[in-house]
Protein backbone atom coordinates (compact mmCIF):
# COMPACT_ATOMS: atom_id res chain seq x y z
CA SER A 1 -4.92 -58.37 179.21
CA GLY A 2 -6.05 -58.34 182.81
CA ASP A 3 -2.67 -59.55 184.05
CA GLY A 4 -0.77 -56.77 182.29
CA SER A 5 0.55 -58.81 179.38
CA GLY A 6 -0.32 -59.04 175.73
CA SER A 7 0.94 -59.54 172.19
CA THR A 8 1.86 -57.26 169.33
CA SER A 9 -0.93 -58.78 167.26
CA GLY A 10 -3.34 -57.98 170.07
CA ALA A 11 -2.14 -54.37 170.08
CA VAL A 12 -2.59 -54.18 166.31
CA ALA A 13 -6.12 -55.51 166.61
CA ALA A 14 -6.97 -53.02 169.37
CA ILE A 15 -5.66 -50.04 167.42
CA ASN A 16 -7.41 -51.17 164.24
CA TYR A 17 -10.64 -51.51 166.22
CA ALA A 18 -10.38 -47.92 167.49
CA THR A 19 -9.61 -46.72 163.96
CA ARG A 20 -12.59 -48.58 162.54
CA MET A 21 -14.92 -47.20 165.21
CA ARG A 22 -13.94 -43.64 164.30
CA ARG A 23 -13.64 -44.04 160.55
CA ASP A 24 -16.58 -46.32 159.84
CA PHE A 25 -19.05 -45.60 162.64
CA GLY A 26 -18.31 -41.99 163.57
CA ILE A 27 -17.31 -42.73 167.18
CA ASN A 28 -15.39 -39.67 168.34
CA ILE A 29 -12.14 -41.37 169.38
CA VAL A 30 -9.33 -38.79 169.27
CA ALA A 31 -6.50 -40.65 171.03
CA THR A 32 -5.40 -43.99 172.38
CA ASN A 33 -3.43 -44.11 175.64
CA ASN A 34 -0.56 -46.57 175.38
CA SER A 35 0.92 -47.05 178.83
CA TRP A 36 2.72 -50.19 177.73
CA GLY A 37 5.88 -51.27 175.96
CA GLY A 38 7.88 -54.26 174.86
CA GLY A 39 8.93 -56.15 171.78
CA GLY A 40 10.83 -54.88 168.79
CA SER A 41 9.73 -52.88 165.81
CA SER A 42 6.69 -54.28 163.99
CA ASN A 43 5.61 -53.20 160.53
CA ALA A 44 2.05 -54.28 161.28
CA LEU A 45 1.93 -52.15 164.43
CA ARG A 46 3.52 -49.18 162.67
CA ASP A 47 0.97 -49.47 159.86
CA ALA A 48 -1.89 -49.65 162.37
CA ILE A 49 -0.66 -46.50 164.15
CA THR A 50 -0.31 -44.69 160.81
CA ALA A 51 -3.81 -45.71 159.73
CA GLY A 52 -5.16 -44.47 163.05
CA GLY A 53 -3.41 -41.14 162.56
CA GLN A 54 -4.87 -40.81 159.08
CA ALA A 55 -8.31 -41.35 160.61
CA GLY A 56 -7.65 -38.62 163.21
CA ILE A 57 -6.49 -40.67 166.21
CA LEU A 58 -3.28 -39.77 168.06
CA PHE A 59 -1.16 -42.55 169.58
CA VAL A 60 0.15 -41.34 172.97
CA ALA A 61 2.91 -43.67 174.19
CA ALA A 62 4.96 -44.13 177.35
CA ALA A 63 8.70 -43.67 176.69
CA GLY A 64 9.70 -46.47 179.09
CA ASN A 65 11.10 -46.93 182.58
CA GLU A 66 14.66 -48.18 182.00
CA ALA A 67 16.43 -44.80 182.42
CA THR A 68 17.91 -45.29 178.95
CA ASN A 69 18.28 -43.07 175.89
CA ASN A 70 15.63 -44.00 173.31
CA ASP A 71 17.71 -42.27 170.63
CA VAL A 72 20.33 -44.99 171.17
CA THR A 73 18.20 -47.93 172.29
CA PRO A 74 14.71 -47.67 170.78
CA ALA A 75 11.75 -48.54 173.00
CA TYR A 76 8.59 -49.52 171.15
CA PRO A 77 5.89 -48.48 170.56
CA ALA A 78 7.07 -45.01 171.68
CA ASN A 79 9.90 -44.95 169.12
CA TYR A 80 7.78 -45.31 165.99
CA THR A 81 8.44 -42.35 163.72
CA SER A 82 4.97 -41.05 162.92
CA GLU A 83 3.09 -37.77 163.05
CA ALA A 84 0.44 -39.71 164.96
CA VAL A 85 2.76 -40.59 167.86
CA ILE A 86 3.41 -38.52 170.99
CA SER A 87 6.16 -40.06 173.14
CA VAL A 88 6.03 -39.14 176.84
CA ALA A 89 8.74 -39.11 179.53
CA ALA A 90 8.05 -38.72 183.27
CA THR A 91 8.99 -35.93 185.69
CA ASP A 92 9.00 -35.69 189.47
CA ARG A 93 7.42 -33.03 191.68
CA TYR A 94 10.35 -30.69 191.00
CA ASN A 95 9.84 -30.91 187.22
CA ASN A 96 13.06 -32.88 186.83
CA LEU A 97 13.29 -35.97 184.66
CA ALA A 98 12.31 -38.91 186.85
CA SER A 99 15.22 -41.17 187.77
CA PHE A 100 13.63 -44.16 186.04
CA SER A 101 12.34 -42.38 182.94
CA ASN A 102 13.63 -43.08 179.45
CA TYR A 103 14.53 -40.00 177.45
CA GLY A 104 15.63 -38.98 173.96
CA ALA A 105 16.46 -35.60 172.47
CA THR A 106 14.85 -36.60 169.18
CA SER A 107 12.70 -39.65 169.92
CA VAL A 108 10.84 -38.51 173.07
CA ASP A 109 8.56 -35.52 172.55
CA LEU A 110 7.78 -34.09 175.98
CA ALA A 111 7.43 -34.94 179.66
CA ALA A 112 4.51 -35.03 182.09
CA PRO A 113 4.14 -35.77 185.82
CA GLY A 114 4.85 -39.44 186.50
CA VAL A 115 6.09 -39.81 190.09
CA SER A 116 3.75 -40.67 192.97
CA ILE A 117 0.61 -40.15 190.91
CA TYR A 118 -2.49 -40.78 193.01
CA SER A 119 -5.13 -42.42 190.86
CA THR A 120 -8.07 -44.79 190.78
CA THR A 121 -7.53 -48.53 191.09
CA PRO A 122 -9.90 -51.53 190.90
CA ASN A 123 -12.58 -52.20 193.51
CA ASN A 124 -13.33 -48.52 194.19
CA THR A 125 -9.88 -47.83 195.66
CA TYR A 126 -7.04 -45.37 195.11
CA ALA A 127 -3.28 -45.84 195.04
CA SER A 128 -0.06 -44.00 194.20
CA TYR A 129 2.11 -45.20 191.32
CA SER A 130 5.16 -43.98 189.41
CA GLY A 131 6.17 -44.54 185.80
CA THR A 132 5.93 -43.16 182.31
CA SER A 133 2.68 -45.13 182.23
CA MET A 134 1.35 -42.60 184.74
CA ALA A 135 2.72 -39.63 182.78
CA THR A 136 1.18 -40.68 179.48
CA PRO A 137 -2.50 -40.37 180.52
CA HIS A 138 -1.92 -36.71 181.39
CA VAL A 139 -1.07 -36.06 177.74
CA THR A 140 -3.89 -38.24 176.44
CA GLY A 141 -6.31 -36.32 178.62
CA VAL A 142 -5.12 -33.01 177.19
CA VAL A 143 -5.66 -34.37 173.67
CA ALA A 144 -9.27 -35.10 174.62
CA LEU A 145 -9.62 -31.68 176.27
CA LEU A 146 -8.39 -29.84 173.18
CA ALA A 147 -10.56 -31.92 170.86
CA ALA A 148 -13.65 -31.23 172.99
CA ALA A 149 -12.97 -27.49 173.06
CA ASN A 150 -12.04 -27.37 169.36
CA PRO A 151 -14.06 -30.08 167.57
CA GLN A 152 -12.95 -28.88 164.14
CA ALA A 153 -9.23 -29.19 164.95
CA THR A 154 -7.33 -31.98 163.25
CA ALA A 155 -5.13 -34.50 165.04
CA ALA A 156 -2.06 -32.80 163.55
CA GLN A 157 -3.17 -29.40 164.88
CA ILE A 158 -3.79 -30.82 168.36
CA ARG A 159 -0.39 -32.54 168.39
CA THR A 160 1.34 -29.35 167.27
CA ALA A 161 -0.43 -27.28 169.94
CA ILE A 162 0.60 -29.71 172.69
CA LEU A 163 4.24 -29.87 171.62
CA SER A 164 4.52 -26.14 170.91
CA GLY A 165 2.82 -25.25 174.19
CA THR A 166 5.18 -27.05 176.57
CA THR A 167 6.82 -25.20 179.44
CA VAL A 168 10.57 -25.32 178.82
CA VAL A 169 12.40 -26.71 181.86
CA ALA A 170 16.18 -26.64 182.25
CA GLY A 171 16.30 -30.23 183.47
CA LEU A 172 14.56 -31.44 180.31
CA THR A 173 16.77 -29.63 177.81
CA GLY A 174 18.52 -32.23 175.71
CA LYS A 175 16.36 -34.95 177.25
CA VAL A 176 13.15 -34.51 175.23
CA ALA A 177 12.62 -32.95 171.81
CA THR A 178 10.63 -29.97 173.08
CA GLY A 179 12.76 -29.52 176.19
CA GLY A 180 9.52 -29.06 178.01
CA LEU A 181 6.74 -30.18 180.30
CA LEU A 182 3.09 -30.61 179.28
CA ASN A 183 1.12 -27.36 179.65
CA ALA A 184 -2.61 -27.77 178.97
CA ALA A 185 -3.39 -24.04 179.24
CA ASN A 186 -0.72 -23.09 176.71
CA ALA A 187 -1.90 -25.77 174.29
CA MET A 188 -5.50 -24.61 174.65
CA GLN A 189 -4.51 -21.03 173.93
CA LEU A 190 -2.44 -21.99 170.90
CA LEU A 191 -5.26 -24.06 169.45
CA SER A 192 -7.93 -21.39 169.94
CA GLY A 193 -6.88 -19.79 166.66
CA THR A 194 -7.02 -23.08 164.72
CA THR A 195 -8.48 -22.77 161.24
CA PRO A 196 -11.13 -25.48 160.71
CA PRO A 197 -10.50 -28.01 157.92
CA VAL A 198 -11.91 -27.03 154.56
CA THR A 199 -15.11 -28.79 153.47
CA THR A 200 -17.16 -28.35 150.30
CA PRO A 201 -20.19 -26.21 151.13
CA VAL A 202 -23.28 -26.48 148.97
CA THR A 203 -24.47 -22.90 148.55
CA PRO A 204 -26.62 -21.14 145.91
CA THR A 205 -23.45 -20.13 144.04
CA ASP A 206 -21.60 -23.43 144.55
CA PRO A 207 -21.19 -25.61 141.43
CA LEU A 208 -22.76 -28.52 143.33
CA GLU A 209 -26.12 -26.71 143.29
CA PRO A 210 -28.43 -27.53 141.63
CA ASN A 211 -27.97 -31.19 142.53
CA ASP A 212 -31.71 -31.82 142.65
CA SER A 213 -31.99 -35.14 140.78
CA ILE A 214 -30.03 -38.28 140.00
CA ALA A 215 -29.00 -36.79 136.67
CA SER A 216 -27.35 -33.80 138.39
CA ALA A 217 -26.16 -35.56 141.55
CA SER A 218 -22.90 -34.40 143.10
CA GLN A 219 -20.16 -37.03 143.15
CA VAL A 220 -18.87 -37.98 146.62
CA ALA A 221 -15.08 -38.38 146.73
CA LEU A 222 -14.06 -40.69 149.58
CA VAL A 223 -10.73 -40.29 151.34
CA ASN A 224 -9.77 -43.28 153.51
CA GLY A 225 -13.39 -44.39 153.31
CA ARG A 226 -14.89 -41.10 154.50
CA ALA A 227 -16.25 -37.84 153.12
CA THR A 228 -18.17 -34.92 154.60
CA VAL A 229 -20.24 -32.42 152.63
CA SER A 230 -22.12 -29.37 153.85
CA GLY A 231 -25.33 -28.27 152.19
CA ILE A 232 -28.56 -26.30 152.43
CA VAL A 233 -32.05 -27.64 151.81
CA GLY A 234 -34.26 -24.84 150.50
CA ASN A 235 -31.66 -22.66 148.81
CA GLY A 236 -32.54 -23.52 145.22
CA ALA A 237 -35.28 -22.49 142.84
CA ASN A 238 -37.64 -25.11 144.31
CA GLY A 239 -37.72 -23.69 147.82
CA ALA A 240 -39.01 -26.23 150.34
CA ARG A 241 -39.16 -28.83 147.56
CA ASP A 242 -35.39 -28.65 147.27
CA VAL A 243 -33.55 -31.98 147.39
CA ASP A 244 -29.80 -32.59 147.40
CA LEU A 245 -28.67 -35.76 145.60
CA TYR A 246 -25.22 -37.30 145.93
CA ALA A 247 -23.66 -40.08 143.84
CA ILE A 248 -21.31 -42.54 145.54
CA ASN A 249 -19.48 -45.49 144.02
CA LEU A 250 -19.59 -48.62 146.19
CA VAL A 251 -18.37 -52.22 146.00
CA ALA A 252 -20.41 -55.28 146.90
CA GLY A 253 -20.25 -56.15 150.58
CA ALA A 254 -19.30 -52.66 151.70
CA VAL A 255 -21.24 -51.13 154.58
CA LEU A 256 -22.33 -47.53 153.92
CA THR A 257 -23.13 -45.26 156.86
CA ILE A 258 -24.86 -41.93 156.21
CA ASP A 259 -25.00 -39.46 159.10
CA VAL A 260 -26.95 -36.23 158.53
CA ASP A 261 -26.39 -33.55 161.17
CA ALA A 262 -28.61 -30.47 161.32
CA ARG A 263 -30.21 -30.03 164.76
CA SER A 264 -26.92 -31.15 166.32
CA LEU A 265 -24.93 -28.44 164.52
CA SER A 266 -23.72 -25.41 166.44
CA PRO A 267 -25.70 -23.23 166.05
CA ALA A 268 -28.54 -25.70 165.48
CA SER A 269 -30.21 -25.78 162.08
CA PRO A 270 -34.04 -25.83 161.81
CA LEU A 271 -33.88 -28.64 159.23
CA ASP A 272 -35.77 -31.83 160.15
CA SER A 273 -33.91 -34.05 157.72
CA PHE A 274 -34.95 -37.14 155.80
CA VAL A 275 -32.39 -39.33 154.01
CA ARG A 276 -33.11 -41.81 151.22
CA LEU A 277 -30.90 -44.21 149.26
CA PHE A 278 -31.59 -45.08 145.60
CA ASN A 279 -30.19 -47.22 142.83
CA ALA A 280 -29.45 -45.77 139.39
CA ALA A 281 -33.04 -46.42 138.26
CA GLY A 282 -34.41 -44.25 141.07
CA SER A 283 -35.81 -47.13 143.12
CA GLN A 284 -35.58 -46.56 146.87
CA LEU A 285 -33.40 -49.08 148.69
CA ALA A 286 -33.48 -47.62 152.21
CA SER A 287 -34.54 -44.51 154.11
CA ASN A 288 -34.46 -42.93 157.55
CA ASP A 289 -36.17 -40.06 159.31
CA ASP A 290 -35.06 -39.67 162.93
CA SER A 291 -32.30 -41.89 164.29
CA GLY A 292 -30.10 -39.31 165.94
CA GLY A 293 -31.11 -40.14 169.52
CA SER A 294 -32.65 -37.85 172.11
CA PHE A 295 -30.11 -35.05 171.61
CA ASP A 296 -30.55 -34.71 167.86
CA ARG A 297 -33.73 -36.70 167.27
CA TYR A 298 -34.58 -34.76 164.10
CA ASP A 299 -31.35 -35.83 162.40
CA SER A 300 -31.10 -38.84 160.10
CA TYR A 301 -28.80 -41.86 160.22
CA LEU A 302 -28.72 -44.80 157.83
CA VAL A 303 -26.63 -47.97 157.57
CA PHE A 304 -26.79 -50.06 154.38
CA THR A 305 -24.94 -53.17 153.20
CA VAL A 306 -24.20 -52.91 149.48
CA PRO A 307 -25.56 -55.89 147.49
CA THR A 308 -23.81 -55.26 144.16
CA THR A 309 -20.98 -53.07 142.93
CA GLY A 310 -22.15 -49.85 141.30
CA THR A 311 -23.16 -46.22 141.75
CA TYR A 312 -25.74 -45.40 144.42
CA TYR A 313 -27.55 -42.14 145.13
CA VAL A 314 -28.22 -40.47 148.46
CA GLY A 315 -30.98 -37.88 148.78
CA VAL A 316 -31.22 -35.34 151.61
CA SER A 317 -34.47 -33.41 152.02
CA GLY A 318 -36.77 -31.93 154.64
CA TYR A 319 -39.12 -34.38 156.36
CA GLY A 320 -42.27 -33.02 154.71
CA ASN A 321 -40.68 -33.48 151.30
CA ALA A 322 -39.77 -37.15 151.78
CA ALA A 323 -41.93 -38.51 148.92
CA TYR A 324 -40.10 -36.86 146.00
CA ASN A 325 -39.13 -38.66 142.78
CA PRO A 326 -35.30 -38.58 142.53
CA LEU A 327 -35.52 -38.60 138.73
CA THR A 328 -37.64 -35.43 138.54
CA VAL A 329 -36.58 -32.02 139.83
CA GLY A 330 -39.07 -30.35 142.19
CA SER A 331 -41.43 -33.33 142.23
CA GLY A 332 -42.04 -33.50 145.99
CA SER A 333 -44.29 -31.73 148.48
CA SER A 334 -43.85 -28.03 149.25
CA THR A 335 -44.16 -28.58 153.00
CA GLY A 336 -40.65 -29.85 153.76
CA SER A 337 -38.54 -28.12 156.38
CA ILE A 338 -35.44 -26.23 155.25
CA GLY A 339 -32.04 -25.40 156.67
CA ASP A 340 -28.35 -26.19 156.48
CA TYR A 341 -26.81 -29.57 157.27
CA SER A 342 -23.63 -31.60 157.25
CA THR A 343 -23.58 -35.15 155.92
CA THR A 344 -20.83 -37.65 156.62
CA PHE A 345 -20.45 -40.70 154.39
CA ALA A 346 -18.44 -43.61 155.80
CA VAL A 347 -17.75 -46.80 153.87
CA ALA A 348 -16.49 -49.95 155.60
CA LEU A 349 -15.16 -52.56 153.23
CA PRO A 350 -15.58 -56.27 153.95
CA ALA A 351 -12.61 -58.01 155.50
CA PRO A 352 -9.88 -58.99 153.05
CA GLY A 353 -9.84 -62.61 151.90
CA ALA A 354 -7.12 -64.99 150.76
CA ASP A 355 -6.74 -68.08 148.59
CA ILE A 356 -3.93 -70.64 148.61
CA VAL A 357 -3.40 -71.64 144.98
CA ASP A 358 -3.55 -75.40 144.43
CA VAL A 359 -0.25 -77.10 143.65
CA THR A 360 -0.08 -78.91 140.30
CA PRO A 361 0.35 -81.67 139.54
CA ASP A 362 -1.28 -83.23 142.58
CA PRO A 363 -0.39 -85.93 143.50
CA ARG A 364 3.28 -85.53 142.59
CA THR A 365 6.57 -87.35 143.12
CA THR A 366 8.81 -84.35 143.80
CA ALA A 367 9.03 -81.78 146.57
CA VAL A 368 7.18 -78.47 146.28
CA ASP A 369 9.54 -75.50 146.31
CA SER A 370 6.95 -72.70 146.31
CA ILE A 371 3.25 -72.03 146.80
CA ALA A 372 1.26 -68.99 145.64
CA ILE A 373 -1.09 -67.19 148.03
CA THR A 374 -3.43 -64.55 146.65
CA PHE A 375 -5.43 -61.92 148.55
CA ASN A 376 -8.45 -60.12 147.12
CA ARG A 377 -6.74 -56.78 147.79
CA ALA A 378 -3.34 -55.57 148.95
CA VAL A 379 -2.37 -56.43 152.52
CA THR A 380 0.56 -55.95 154.87
CA GLY A 381 1.72 -57.78 158.00
CA PHE A 382 1.84 -61.23 156.36
CA ASP A 383 4.77 -63.48 157.30
CA VAL A 384 5.67 -67.17 157.61
CA ALA A 385 4.51 -67.24 161.24
CA ASP A 386 0.93 -66.91 159.94
CA LEU A 387 1.21 -70.24 158.09
CA ARG A 388 1.03 -73.85 159.30
CA LEU A 389 2.27 -76.83 157.29
CA VAL A 390 1.07 -80.31 158.29
CA ARG A 391 2.14 -83.70 156.87
CA ASP A 392 -0.08 -86.67 157.70
CA GLY A 393 -1.38 -84.89 160.80
CA LEU A 394 2.03 -83.77 162.11
CA ASP A 395 3.38 -80.20 162.02
CA VAL A 396 6.29 -79.55 159.67
CA SER A 397 8.76 -76.76 160.38
CA LEU A 398 8.79 -73.85 157.93
CA ALA A 399 12.25 -72.75 159.04
CA GLY A 400 14.06 -71.15 156.13
CA ALA A 401 10.88 -70.44 154.18
CA VAL A 402 9.87 -66.85 153.40
CA VAL A 403 6.89 -65.04 151.87
CA THR A 404 7.43 -62.29 149.33
CA SER A 405 5.24 -59.93 147.33
CA THR A 406 5.68 -56.93 145.06
CA ASP A 407 2.11 -55.64 145.21
CA GLY A 408 0.66 -56.94 148.48
CA VAL A 409 -1.93 -58.98 146.53
CA SER A 410 0.05 -61.88 145.06
CA TRP A 411 2.41 -63.55 147.54
CA VAL A 412 4.78 -66.49 147.11
CA LEU A 413 5.92 -68.84 149.86
CA VAL A 414 9.39 -70.03 148.80
CA GLY A 415 12.02 -72.31 150.31
CA LEU A 416 9.72 -75.31 150.80
CA ALA A 417 11.80 -78.00 149.10
CA SER A 418 13.31 -79.29 152.33
CA ALA A 419 10.03 -79.14 154.25
CA THR A 420 8.14 -81.10 151.57
CA SER A 421 10.81 -83.66 150.67
CA SER A 422 9.22 -86.55 152.61
CA THR A 423 6.42 -88.69 151.21
CA GLY A 424 2.98 -87.86 152.56
CA VAL A 425 -0.14 -85.71 152.33
CA TYR A 426 0.56 -82.04 153.06
CA THR A 427 -1.87 -79.33 154.14
CA LEU A 428 -0.99 -75.63 154.30
CA THR A 429 -3.18 -73.33 156.40
CA LEU A 430 -3.19 -69.54 156.68
CA ASN A 431 -4.33 -68.61 160.19
CA ALA A 432 -6.28 -65.35 160.42
CA ALA A 433 -6.43 -65.11 164.22
CA ASN A 434 -3.78 -62.76 165.62
CA SER A 435 -2.02 -62.71 162.25
CA GLY A 436 -1.66 -58.94 161.98
CA ILE A 437 -2.62 -59.12 158.28
CA VAL A 438 -4.48 -55.93 157.37
CA ASP A 439 -5.42 -53.99 154.24
CA ALA A 440 -4.76 -50.31 153.56
CA ASN A 441 -7.85 -49.40 155.59
CA GLY A 442 -6.63 -51.29 158.65
CA ILE A 443 -9.21 -54.05 158.19
CA ALA A 444 -7.86 -57.40 159.37
CA LEU A 445 -8.05 -60.76 157.63
CA ALA A 446 -11.04 -62.42 159.27
CA THR A 447 -11.17 -65.95 157.86
CA SER A 448 -8.48 -68.63 157.91
CA VAL A 449 -7.72 -70.42 154.65
């Protein structure tokens, strides 16, 4: 918040928002800077950080300013064990560990300058501050630098380059895991030889070609709601009438984003793309020509909300060949542009929902010991604090009650006998706001029950 305070649930929501922006909308977020600390370990926060890492976002965290050993006394969120986390200590101008900085031979990764850091402040002013909160942005900035210079590098590769590229300093040996100080130049050099992640190219000899009709469409396999395929329009027997069709299985309520990059590739492709979306019968549901903005205005971008669960088909062609029949190979115009492209599919599921199962019999003459709560898909981060029990308009304590689940879908609230022993009308509410309840994709419960 503006006054420098916040809640764990707020942090979870912020991280999940960044993850969703990258995963579902293609926003190029590569790191979050976490110059904050406080509170104990939280499964919901750990899960949010992990989901962000799986989406390609590093979590750069300040180690803390208590001059304590994080190996002995954990400081969160810096102490979460995750390949997505980089924990940062602070050094002074002599490259020694700052007097206030937390440290940890296994739990703190590296150090960066954090004493008397001159930086921007509100109202167009500058000021000098000290703290691991000032050291952390140096590392976050290097993450962004490496990602900009090496756009194909993964989050894991960037993290490895930063940690492997530190300058070893005697005063940091035994204090941080790398024994070293952030070195942007070394990290850049180490990453320059990074091997790009493997994608599935569609070439004349690739088994995905010919994928020129719905009958021969290539199946899109989503991983964490995303998939990227590379292809060529014009490489088949139909020349400029070539069309690439992709099949994708979607659930009702999901939001599908299709981003075709051609002119924005490096080097740029001559393809002026056109993207169309069909149902299984070949009827067009949506299409787009040029939505890439001024930089890549010949590239296509489409967002579609899925009405019913089923298999949908995405067609990529050249602009002049936009009127083809997806059921018939080579049915379009021969004037379409050709060239290579990369298409990213992103699927955002609707927010998870919940239902509190009615108690039977109702009314009753005995206390209720347990209540079942069912979600429409597996969730984590659910606890008793997310529930409110009211009797005749007055809050009833849920002390001693617990929620349990074996699959994340079906939950049971037990230990209610004492809380429901008095005569009256009871109402149980599950509060979505700030609950920290999320599904495997990091999507939060949106509606109270």
